[in-house]
Amino acid sequence: MIAIREFPANVEYDERGEGPALLLLPGSFGTGSGWIAVTDRLARRYRIVTTSLLGYGATAERRPLGNATMRQQTELIDRILERIGEPAHVVGHSFGALAALAHAIEGTIKPASLILVEANPLGLLKTWGEADLYAMFGAMTRHYFAEFEAGRPDAARHVIDFYGGEGTFAAFPAKVRDYVIKTTPANIRDWSSGTPFEPPPSAYHQITATTLVVRGGDGHPAMMRIAEILAEAIPHGRLETVAGGSHFLPATNPAELARLLDAHVDFGIT
């Protein structure tokens, strides 16, 4: 039995509703409030817990720049699941989905199930021989990191436009652009911890949780392929594609995402 410890004051934790527990992990540049368009459709049926990952929202950054690891996110998720105190379905978007995946492999408190939305475990592309698709990420991050080191405030536009298409960052409201710029150092840590995360195929094969993998139908080709590999590699995995959707599904397609999540929890994957 796991002893309950005092929950850290510097970790964001919001909860509402009753029913099966859902823990929703946002992606990079996101906070727990980014799920609201999805959770508003589910609050009457579920116990909904939202948070922000390290360096975002009200969750303090504790990853040293240049020495960030996925283990630090795994430990954070374990603390949140410990506070929830019952089996929880873990839902992650983008880097949040990578964190959920890393936790399912390495964490102490296992999820009731997984819902991985536009997950980005880049190492899968290398492991499964998709060198050209993997190189697309490398080309983007080289420009991004160089501009960050040079002090360009909007260096992170490379990431946003990579996932959402050219001009996506410029089309964001000013408040959102400002938050992206403010949290760019946290995102640099996301990349430096997430890119080297390359567990062997056997690690994916050993995930026992039923897993729903969700991708946008108009997403980046590298992300489309990652979703296919994940659904094939995880024994109880299934792939769903949101027609007309791209990377930012919690914001652009919340109704469809809520429907898929609800069906997954209700019926599971057989």
C-alpha atoms as a PDB file:
ATOM      1  CA  MET A   1       0.000   0.000   0.000  1.00  0.00           C
ATOM      2  CA  ILE A   2       1.329   3.445  -0.945  1.00  0.00           C
ATOM      3  CA  ALA A   3       1.608   5.882   1.965  1.00  0.00           C
ATOM      4  CA  ILE A   4      -0.193   9.172   1.363  1.00  0.00           C
ATOM      5  CA  ARG A   5       2.191  12.110   1.503  1.00  0.00           C
ATOM      6  CA  GLU A   6       1.383  15.798   1.787  1.00  0.00           C
ATOM      7  CA  PHE A   7       0.585  17.088  -1.689  1.00  0.00           C
ATOM      8  CA  PRO A   8       3.035  19.755  -2.905  1.00  0.00           C
ATOM      9  CA  ALA A   9       1.647  23.296  -2.817  1.00  0.00           C
ATOM     10  CA  ASN A  10       3.448  24.181  -6.043  1.00  0.00           C
ATOM     11  CA  VAL A  11       1.640  21.589  -8.184  1.00  0.00           C
ATOM     12  CA  GLU A  12      -1.565  22.714  -9.887  1.00  0.00           C
ATOM     13  CA  TYR A  13      -4.563  20.555  -8.978  1.00  0.00           C
ATOM     14  CA  ASP A  14      -8.195  21.281  -9.814  1.00  0.00           C
ATOM     15  CA  GLU A  15     -11.080  18.878  -9.388  1.00  0.00           C
ATOM     16  CA  ARG A  16     -14.814  18.826 -10.065  1.00  0.00           C
ATOM     17  CA  GLY A  17     -17.624  16.338 -10.588  1.00  0.00           C
ATOM     18  CA  GLU A  18     -18.279  12.787  -9.464  1.00  0.00           C
ATOM     19  CA  GLY A  19     -17.911   9.424 -11.171  1.00  0.00           C
ATOM     20  CA  PRO A  20     -14.989   7.590 -12.778  1.00  0.00           C
ATOM     21  CA  ALA A  21     -11.800   9.599 -12.308  1.00  0.00           C
ATOM     22  CA  LEU A  22     -10.179  11.310 -15.297  1.00  0.00           C
ATOM     23  CA  LEU A  23      -6.758  12.957 -15.093  1.00  0.00           C
ATOM     24  CA  LEU A  24      -6.171  15.314 -18.014  1.00  0.00           C
ATOM     25  CA  LEU A  25      -2.623  16.357 -18.902  1.00  0.00           C
ATOM     26  CA  PRO A  26      -2.185  19.333 -21.254  1.00  0.00           C
ATOM     27  CA  GLY A  27       0.502  19.674 -23.870  1.00  0.00           C
ATOM     28  CA  SER A  28       3.413  22.090 -23.998  1.00  0.00           C
ATOM     29  CA  PHE A  29       2.463  25.758 -23.590  1.00  0.00           C
ATOM     30  CA  GLY A  30      -0.806  24.529 -22.054  1.00  0.00           C
ATOM     31  CA  THR A  31      -2.482  24.567 -18.659  1.00  0.00           C
ATOM     32  CA  GLY A  32      -5.296  22.583 -17.124  1.00  0.00           C
ATOM     33  CA  SER A  33      -7.801  25.198 -18.281  1.00  0.00           C
ATOM     34  CA  GLY A  34      -7.038  24.237 -21.875  1.00  0.00           C
ATOM     35  CA  TRP A  35      -9.270  21.184 -21.450  1.00  0.00           C
ATOM     36  CA  ILE A  36     -12.364  23.161 -20.449  1.00  0.00           C
ATOM     37  CA  ALA A  37     -14.165  22.832 -23.797  1.00  0.00           C
ATOM     38  CA  VAL A  38     -13.809  19.054 -23.442  1.00  0.00           C
ATOM     39  CA  THR A  39     -14.479  18.740 -19.720  1.00  0.00           C
ATOM     40  CA  ASP A  40     -17.590  20.936 -19.799  1.00  0.00           C
ATOM     41  CA  ARG A  41     -19.148  18.161 -21.867  1.00  0.00           C
ATOM     42  CA  LEU A  42     -18.154  15.475 -19.345  1.00  0.00           C
ATOM     43  CA  ALA A  43     -18.431  17.070 -15.912  1.00  0.00           C
ATOM     44  CA  ARG A  44     -21.820  15.583 -15.055  1.00  0.00           C
ATOM     45  CA  ARG A  45     -20.548  12.019 -15.411  1.00  0.00           C
ATOM     46  CA  TYR A  46     -16.940  12.083 -14.227  1.00  0.00           C
ATOM     47  CA  ARG A  47     -14.617  13.129 -11.460  1.00  0.00           C
ATOM     48  CA  ILE A  48     -12.400  15.425 -13.501  1.00  0.00           C
ATOM     49  CA  VAL A  49      -8.904  16.357 -12.363  1.00  0.00           C
ATOM     50  CA  THR A  50      -6.805  18.839 -14.323  1.00  0.00           C
ATOM     51  CA  THR A  51      -3.259  20.004 -13.783  1.00  0.00           C
ATOM     52  CA  SER A  52      -0.351  21.633 -15.584  1.00  0.00           C
ATOM     53  CA  LEU A  53       2.946  19.918 -16.289  1.00  0.00           C
ATOM     54  CA  LEU A  54       6.259  21.158 -14.929  1.00  0.00           C
ATOM     55  CA  GLY A  55       6.916  24.801 -15.744  1.00  0.00           C
ATOM     56  CA  TYR A  56       3.371  25.671 -16.824  1.00  0.00           C
ATOM     57  CA  GLY A  57       0.366  27.199 -15.097  1.00  0.00           C
ATOM     58  CA  ALA A  58       0.604  26.935 -11.311  1.00  0.00           C
ATOM     59  CA  THR A  59       3.029  23.985 -11.398  1.00  0.00           C
ATOM     60  CA  ALA A  60       6.565  25.049 -10.567  1.00  0.00           C
ATOM     61  CA  GLU A  61       9.510  24.253 -12.804  1.00  0.00           C
ATOM     62  CA  ARG A  62      12.017  21.935 -11.149  1.00  0.00           C
ATOM     63  CA  ARG A  63      13.856  20.581 -14.180  1.00  0.00           C
ATOM     64  CA  PRO A  64      17.376  21.977 -14.588  1.00  0.00           C
ATOM     65  CA  LEU A  65      17.906  23.475 -18.033  1.00  0.00           C
ATOM     66  CA  GLY A  66      20.069  20.943 -19.850  1.00  0.00           C
ATOM     67  CA  ASN A  67      19.206  18.115 -17.464  1.00  0.00           C
ATOM     68  CA  ALA A  68      15.472  17.566 -17.886  1.00  0.00           C
ATOM     69  CA  THR A  69      14.157  13.993 -18.026  1.00  0.00           C
ATOM     70  CA  MET A  70      10.808  12.290 -18.482  1.00  0.00           C
ATOM     71  CA  ARG A  71      11.304  10.713 -15.059  1.00  0.00           C
ATOM     72  CA  GLN A  72      10.564  14.130 -13.531  1.00  0.00           C
ATOM     73  CA  GLN A  73       7.164  14.199 -15.257  1.00  0.00           C
ATOM     74  CA  THR A  74       6.510  10.587 -14.244  1.00  0.00           C
ATOM     75  CA  GLU A  75       7.089  11.472 -10.595  1.00  0.00           C
ATOM     76  CA  LEU A  76       4.690  14.414 -10.903  1.00  0.00           C
ATOM     77  CA  ILE A  77       1.952  12.204 -12.360  1.00  0.00           C
ATOM     78  CA  ASP A  78       2.456   9.639  -9.604  1.00  0.00           C
ATOM     79  CA  ARG A  79       1.946  12.349  -6.969  1.00  0.00           C
ATOM     80  CA  ILE A  80      -1.281  13.489  -8.626  1.00  0.00           C
ATOM     81  CA  LEU A  81      -2.608   9.932  -8.959  1.00  0.00           C
ATOM     82  CA  GLU A  82      -1.711   9.352  -5.328  1.00  0.00           C
ATOM     83  CA  ARG A  83      -3.865  12.339  -4.366  1.00  0.00           C
ATOM     84  CA  ILE A  84      -6.751  11.146  -6.553  1.00  0.00           C
ATOM     85  CA  GLY A  85      -6.692   7.950  -4.528  1.00  0.00           C
ATOM     86  CA  GLU A  86      -8.524   5.692  -6.979  1.00  0.00           C
ATOM     87  CA  PRO A  87      -7.812   4.234 -10.432  1.00  0.00           C
ATOM     88  CA  ALA A  88      -7.886   7.085 -12.950  1.00  0.00           C
ATOM     89  CA  HIS A  89      -8.144   7.171 -16.720  1.00  0.00           C
ATOM     90  CA  VAL A  90      -5.189   9.293 -17.850  1.00  0.00           C
ATOM     91  CA  VAL A  91      -5.780  11.572 -20.831  1.00  0.00           C
ATOM     92  CA  GLY A  92      -2.865  13.409 -22.407  1.00  0.00           C
ATOM     93  CA  HIS A  93      -2.464  15.790 -25.327  1.00  0.00           C
ATOM     94  CA  SER A  94       0.797  16.197 -27.273  1.00  0.00           C
ATOM     95  CA  PHE A  95       3.651  16.380 -24.726  1.00  0.00           C
ATOM     96  CA  GLY A  96       1.088  15.563 -22.044  1.00  0.00           C
ATOM     97  CA  ALA A  97       0.357  12.350 -23.939  1.00  0.00           C
ATOM     98  CA  LEU A  98       4.079  11.594 -24.061  1.00  0.00           C
ATOM     99  CA  ALA A  99       4.230  12.159 -20.300  1.00  0.00           C
ATOM    100  CA  ALA A 100       1.246   9.821 -19.827  1.00  0.00           C
ATOM    101  CA  LEU A 101       2.954   7.216 -21.991  1.00  0.00           C
ATOM    102  CA  ALA A 102       6.244   7.504 -20.104  1.00  0.00           C
ATOM    103  CA  HIS A 103       4.341   7.175 -16.849  1.00  0.00           C
ATOM    104  CA  ALA A 104       2.490   4.064 -18.066  1.00  0.00           C
ATOM    105  CA  ILE A 105       5.878   2.488 -18.786  1.00  0.00           C
ATOM    106  CA  GLU A 106       7.885   3.731 -15.793  1.00  0.00           C
ATOM    107  CA  GLY A 107       5.426   5.014 -13.183  1.00  0.00           C
ATOM    108  CA  THR A 108       4.423   3.450  -9.878  1.00  0.00           C
ATOM    109  CA  ILE A 109       0.631   3.964  -9.924  1.00  0.00           C
ATOM    110  CA  LYS A 110      -0.718   2.495 -13.147  1.00  0.00           C
ATOM    111  CA  PRO A 111      -3.588   4.163 -15.040  1.00  0.00           C
ATOM    112  CA  ALA A 112      -7.038   2.608 -15.355  1.00  0.00           C
ATOM    113  CA  SER A 113      -6.675   3.287 -19.079  1.00  0.00           C
ATOM    114  CA  LEU A 114      -4.898   5.669 -21.444  1.00  0.00           C
ATOM    115  CA  ILE A 115      -6.209   8.188 -23.957  1.00  0.00           C
ATOM    116  CA  LEU A 116      -3.300   9.580 -26.011  1.00  0.00           C
ATOM    117  CA  VAL A 117      -4.235  12.579 -28.168  1.00  0.00           C
ATOM    118  CA  GLU A 118      -1.660  13.614 -30.795  1.00  0.00           C
ATOM    119  CA  ALA A 119       1.096  11.992 -28.716  1.00  0.00           C
ATOM    120  CA  ASN A 120       4.669  12.789 -29.745  1.00  0.00           C
ATOM    121  CA  PRO A 121       7.103  10.045 -28.692  1.00  0.00           C
ATOM    122  CA  LEU A 122       9.541  10.884 -31.489  1.00  0.00           C
ATOM    123  CA  GLY A 123      11.783   7.944 -30.712  1.00  0.00           C
ATOM    124  CA  LEU A 124       9.160   5.600 -32.130  1.00  0.00           C
ATOM    125  CA  LEU A 125       9.917   6.906 -35.612  1.00  0.00           C
ATOM    126  CA  LYS A 126      13.598   6.093 -35.236  1.00  0.00           C
ATOM    127  CA  THR A 127      12.931   2.673 -33.685  1.00  0.00           C
ATOM    128  CA  TRP A 128      10.436   1.725 -36.404  1.00  0.00           C
ATOM    129  CA  GLY A 129      12.735   2.842 -39.238  1.00  0.00           C
ATOM    130  CA  GLU A 130      10.936   6.055 -40.221  1.00  0.00           C
ATOM    131  CA  ALA A 131      14.128   8.079 -40.627  1.00  0.00           C
ATOM    132  CA  ASP A 132      12.692  10.664 -43.034  1.00  0.00           C
ATOM    133  CA  LEU A 133       9.802  11.515 -40.729  1.00  0.00           C
ATOM    134  CA  TYR A 134      12.093  11.646 -37.708  1.00  0.00           C
ATOM    135  CA  ALA A 135      14.369  14.058 -39.571  1.00  0.00           C
ATOM    136  CA  MET A 136      11.487  16.514 -39.968  1.00  0.00           C
ATOM    137  CA  PHE A 137      11.499  17.100 -36.221  1.00  0.00           C
ATOM    138  CA  GLY A 138      15.260  17.549 -36.202  1.00  0.00           C
ATOM    139  CA  ALA A 139      15.133  20.159 -38.952  1.00  0.00           C
ATOM    140  CA  MET A 140      12.504  22.142 -37.071  1.00  0.00           C
ATOM    141  CA  THR A 141      14.172  21.990 -33.661  1.00  0.00           C
ATOM    142  CA  ARG A 142      17.552  23.070 -35.048  1.00  0.00           C
ATOM    143  CA  HIS A 143      16.028  26.388 -36.155  1.00  0.00           C
ATOM    144  CA  TYR A 144      14.039  26.661 -32.933  1.00  0.00           C
ATOM    145  CA  PHE A 145      16.945  26.039 -30.577  1.00  0.00           C
ATOM    146  CA  ALA A 146      19.259  28.350 -32.531  1.00  0.00           C
ATOM    147  CA  GLU A 147      16.785  31.228 -32.340  1.00  0.00           C
ATOM    148  CA  PHE A 148      16.138  30.577 -28.650  1.00  0.00           C
ATOM    149  CA  GLU A 149      19.875  30.690 -27.916  1.00  0.00           C
ATOM    150  CA  ALA A 150      20.127  33.893 -29.959  1.00  0.00           C
ATOM    151  CA  GLY A 151      17.434  35.482 -27.805  1.00  0.00           C
ATOM    152  CA  ARG A 152      14.633  35.757 -30.354  1.00  0.00           C
ATOM    153  CA  PRO A 153      11.421  36.011 -28.275  1.00  0.00           C
ATOM    154  CA  ASP A 154       9.132  34.253 -30.742  1.00  0.00           C
ATOM    155  CA  ALA A 155      11.441  31.298 -31.468  1.00  0.00           C
ATOM    156  CA  ALA A 156       8.673  28.897 -30.437  1.00  0.00           C
ATOM    157  CA  ARG A 157       6.638  29.843 -33.504  1.00  0.00           C
ATOM    158  CA  HIS A 158       8.616  27.086 -35.256  1.00  0.00           C
ATOM    159  CA  VAL A 159       6.997  24.488 -32.970  1.00  0.00           C
ATOM    160  CA  ILE A 160       3.472  25.871 -33.269  1.00  0.00           C
ATOM    161  CA  ASP A 161       3.654  26.166 -37.058  1.00  0.00           C
ATOM    162  CA  PHE A 162       5.221  22.712 -37.387  1.00  0.00           C
ATOM    163  CA  TYR A 163       2.218  21.122 -35.717  1.00  0.00           C
ATOM    164  CA  GLY A 164      -0.544  23.449 -36.875  1.00  0.00           C
ATOM    165  CA  GLY A 165       0.696  24.655 -40.244  1.00  0.00           C
ATOM    166  CA  GLU A 166       2.358  27.860 -41.413  1.00  0.00           C
ATOM    167  CA  GLY A 167       0.800  30.940 -39.838  1.00  0.00           C
ATOM    168  CA  THR A 168      -0.757  29.158 -36.853  1.00  0.00           C
ATOM    169  CA  PHE A 169       1.320  31.060 -34.298  1.00  0.00           C
ATOM    170  CA  ALA A 170       0.590  34.414 -35.933  1.00  0.00           C
ATOM    171  CA  ALA A 171      -3.135  33.620 -35.861  1.00  0.00           C
ATOM    172  CA  PHE A 172      -3.152  32.970 -32.111  1.00  0.00           C
ATOM    173  CA  PRO A 173      -4.675  35.708 -29.923  1.00  0.00           C
ATOM    174  CA  ALA A 174      -2.050  38.058 -28.487  1.00  0.00           C
ATOM    175  CA  LYS A 175      -2.598  36.665 -24.981  1.00  0.00           C
ATOM    176  CA  VAL A 176      -1.827  33.146 -26.192  1.00  0.00           C
ATOM    177  CA  ARG A 177       1.254  34.257 -28.135  1.00  0.00           C
ATOM    178  CA  ASP A 178       2.527  36.056 -25.042  1.00  0.00           C
ATOM    179  CA  TYR A 179       2.093  32.922 -22.916  1.00  0.00           C
ATOM    180  CA  VAL A 180       3.930  30.811 -25.496  1.00  0.00           C
ATOM    181  CA  ILE A 181       6.822  33.274 -25.425  1.00  0.00           C
ATOM    182  CA  LYS A 182       6.829  33.367 -21.618  1.00  0.00           C
ATOM    183  CA  THR A 183       6.938  29.567 -21.290  1.00  0.00           C
ATOM    184  CA  THR A 184       9.433  28.871 -24.073  1.00  0.00           C
ATOM    185  CA  PRO A 185      12.154  27.876 -21.542  1.00  0.00           C
ATOM    186  CA  ALA A 186       9.806  25.181 -20.213  1.00  0.00           C
ATOM    187  CA  ASN A 187       9.201  23.947 -23.742  1.00  0.00           C
ATOM    188  CA  ILE A 188      12.943  23.729 -24.386  1.00  0.00           C
ATOM    189  CA  ARG A 189      13.064  21.381 -21.390  1.00  0.00           C
ATOM    190  CA  ASP A 190      10.150  19.416 -22.852  1.00  0.00           C
ATOM    191  CA  TRP A 191      12.098  18.810 -26.041  1.00  0.00           C
ATOM    192  CA  SER A 192      15.383  18.035 -24.287  1.00  0.00           C
ATOM    193  CA  SER A 193      13.647  15.422 -22.114  1.00  0.00           C
ATOM    194  CA  GLY A 194      11.165  14.034 -24.634  1.00  0.00           C
ATOM    195  CA  THR A 195      13.413  13.628 -27.668  1.00  0.00           C
ATOM    196  CA  PRO A 196      15.840  11.156 -26.000  1.00  0.00           C
ATOM    197  CA  PHE A 197      12.950   9.095 -24.602  1.00  0.00           C
ATOM    198  CA  GLU A 198      13.405   5.955 -26.701  1.00  0.00           C
ATOM    199  CA  PRO A 199      12.238   2.872 -24.814  1.00  0.00           C
ATOM    200  CA  PRO A 200      12.562  -0.418 -26.719  1.00  0.00           C
ATOM    201  CA  PRO A 201       9.529  -1.924 -28.484  1.00  0.00           C
ATOM    202  CA  SER A 202       9.181  -4.376 -25.615  1.00  0.00           C
ATOM    203  CA  ALA A 203       8.301  -1.488 -23.276  1.00  0.00           C
ATOM    204  CA  TYR A 204       5.278  -0.621 -25.400  1.00  0.00           C
ATOM    205  CA  HIS A 205       4.312  -4.274 -25.696  1.00  0.00           C
ATOM    206  CA  GLN A 206       4.186  -4.490 -21.890  1.00  0.00           C
ATOM    207  CA  ILE A 207       1.624  -1.698 -21.427  1.00  0.00           C
ATOM    208  CA  THR A 208      -1.437  -3.465 -20.032  1.00  0.00           C
ATOM    209  CA  ALA A 209      -3.856  -0.518 -19.933  1.00  0.00           C
ATOM    210  CA  THR A 210      -6.473  -0.298 -22.652  1.00  0.00           C
ATOM    211  CA  THR A 211      -5.334   2.588 -24.807  1.00  0.00           C
ATOM    212  CA  LEU A 212      -7.139   4.895 -27.196  1.00  0.00           C
ATOM    213  CA  VAL A 213      -4.810   6.690 -29.614  1.00  0.00           C
ATOM    214  CA  VAL A 214      -6.351   9.778 -31.227  1.00  0.00           C
ATOM    215  CA  ARG A 215      -4.916  11.750 -34.136  1.00  0.00           C
ATOM    216  CA  GLY A 216      -6.128  14.593 -36.318  1.00  0.00           C
ATOM    217  CA  GLY A 217      -7.036  13.620 -39.866  1.00  0.00           C
ATOM    218  CA  ASP A 218      -5.237  16.695 -41.208  1.00  0.00           C
ATOM    219  CA  GLY A 219      -2.251  16.387 -38.879  1.00  0.00           C
ATOM    220  CA  HIS A 220       1.459  16.436 -39.652  1.00  0.00           C
ATOM    221  CA  PRO A 221       2.504  13.239 -41.476  1.00  0.00           C
ATOM    222  CA  ALA A 222       5.064  12.401 -38.789  1.00  0.00           C
ATOM    223  CA  MET A 223       2.381  12.649 -36.111  1.00  0.00           C
ATOM    224  CA  MET A 224      -0.002  10.566 -38.191  1.00  0.00           C
ATOM    225  CA  ARG A 225       2.586   7.797 -38.403  1.00  0.00           C
ATOM    226  CA  ILE A 226       3.434   7.971 -34.692  1.00  0.00           C
ATOM    227  CA  ALA A 227      -0.235   7.374 -33.900  1.00  0.00           C
ATOM    228  CA  GLU A 228      -0.327   4.327 -36.168  1.00  0.00           C
ATOM    229  CA  ILE A 229       2.785   2.851 -34.571  1.00  0.00           C
ATOM    230  CA  LEU A 230       1.470   3.446 -31.050  1.00  0.00           C
ATOM    231  CA  ALA A 231      -1.832   1.731 -31.781  1.00  0.00           C
ATOM    232  CA  GLU A 232       0.025  -1.251 -33.236  1.00  0.00           C
ATOM    233  CA  ALA A 233       2.676  -1.472 -30.505  1.00  0.00           C
ATOM    234  CA  ILE A 234       0.398  -1.303 -27.449  1.00  0.00           C
ATOM    235  CA  PRO A 235      -1.409  -4.658 -27.019  1.00  0.00           C
ATOM    236  CA  HIS A 236      -4.809  -3.187 -26.119  1.00  0.00           C
ATOM    237  CA  GLY A 237      -4.498  -0.147 -28.359  1.00  0.00           C
ATOM    238  CA  ARG A 238      -6.910   1.297 -30.874  1.00  0.00           C
ATOM    239  CA  LEU A 239      -6.571   4.196 -33.298  1.00  0.00           C
ATOM    240  CA  GLU A 240      -9.221   6.845 -33.929  1.00  0.00           C
ATOM    241  CA  THR A 241      -8.855   9.662 -36.455  1.00  0.00           C
ATOM    242  CA  VAL A 242     -10.736  12.950 -36.052  1.00  0.00           C
ATOM    243  CA  ALA A 243     -11.740  14.031 -39.548  1.00  0.00           C
ATOM    244  CA  GLY A 244     -10.728  17.600 -40.326  1.00  0.00           C
ATOM    245  CA  GLY A 245      -8.729  17.899 -37.112  1.00  0.00           C
ATOM    246  CA  SER A 246      -5.065  18.741 -36.748  1.00  0.00           C
ATOM    247  CA  HIS A 247      -2.791  18.893 -33.714  1.00  0.00           C
ATOM    248  CA  PHE A 248      -4.734  21.133 -31.344  1.00  0.00           C
ATOM    249  CA  LEU A 249      -7.783  18.879 -30.976  1.00  0.00           C
ATOM    250  CA  PRO A 250      -8.810  19.881 -27.414  1.00  0.00           C
ATOM    251  CA  ALA A 251      -9.383  23.417 -28.723  1.00  0.00           C
ATOM    252  CA  THR A 252     -10.595  22.749 -32.267  1.00  0.00           C
ATOM    253  CA  ASN A 253     -12.601  19.522 -31.910  1.00  0.00           C
ATOM    254  CA  PRO A 254     -13.694  19.300 -28.260  1.00  0.00           C
ATOM    255  CA  ALA A 255     -17.088  17.702 -28.920  1.00  0.00           C
ATOM    256  CA  GLU A 256     -15.621  14.821 -30.915  1.00  0.00           C
ATOM    257  CA  LEU A 257     -12.826  14.369 -28.398  1.00  0.00           C
ATOM    258  CA  ALA A 258     -15.324  14.250 -25.521  1.00  0.00           C
ATOM    259  CA  ARG A 259     -17.398  11.690 -27.407  1.00  0.00           C
ATOM    260  CA  LEU A 260     -14.391   9.442 -28.018  1.00  0.00           C
ATOM    261  CA  LEU A 261     -13.243   9.725 -24.417  1.00  0.00           C
ATOM    262  CA  ASP A 262     -16.706   8.951 -23.072  1.00  0.00           C
ATOM    263  CA  ALA A 263     -17.090   5.906 -25.316  1.00  0.00           C
ATOM    264  CA  HIS A 264     -13.634   4.643 -24.362  1.00  0.00           C
ATOM    265  CA  VAL A 265     -14.345   4.814 -20.635  1.00  0.00           C
ATOM    266  CA  ASP A 266     -17.870   3.388 -21.023  1.00  0.00           C
ATOM    267  CA  PHE A 267     -17.074   0.443 -23.226  1.00  0.00           C
ATOM    268  CA  GLY A 268     -13.309   0.016 -23.109  1.00  0.00           C
ATOM    269  CA  ILE A 269     -11.366  -1.496 -25.972  1.00  0.00           C
ATOM    270  CA  THR A 270     -11.958  -5.110 -26.911  1.00  0.00           C
END
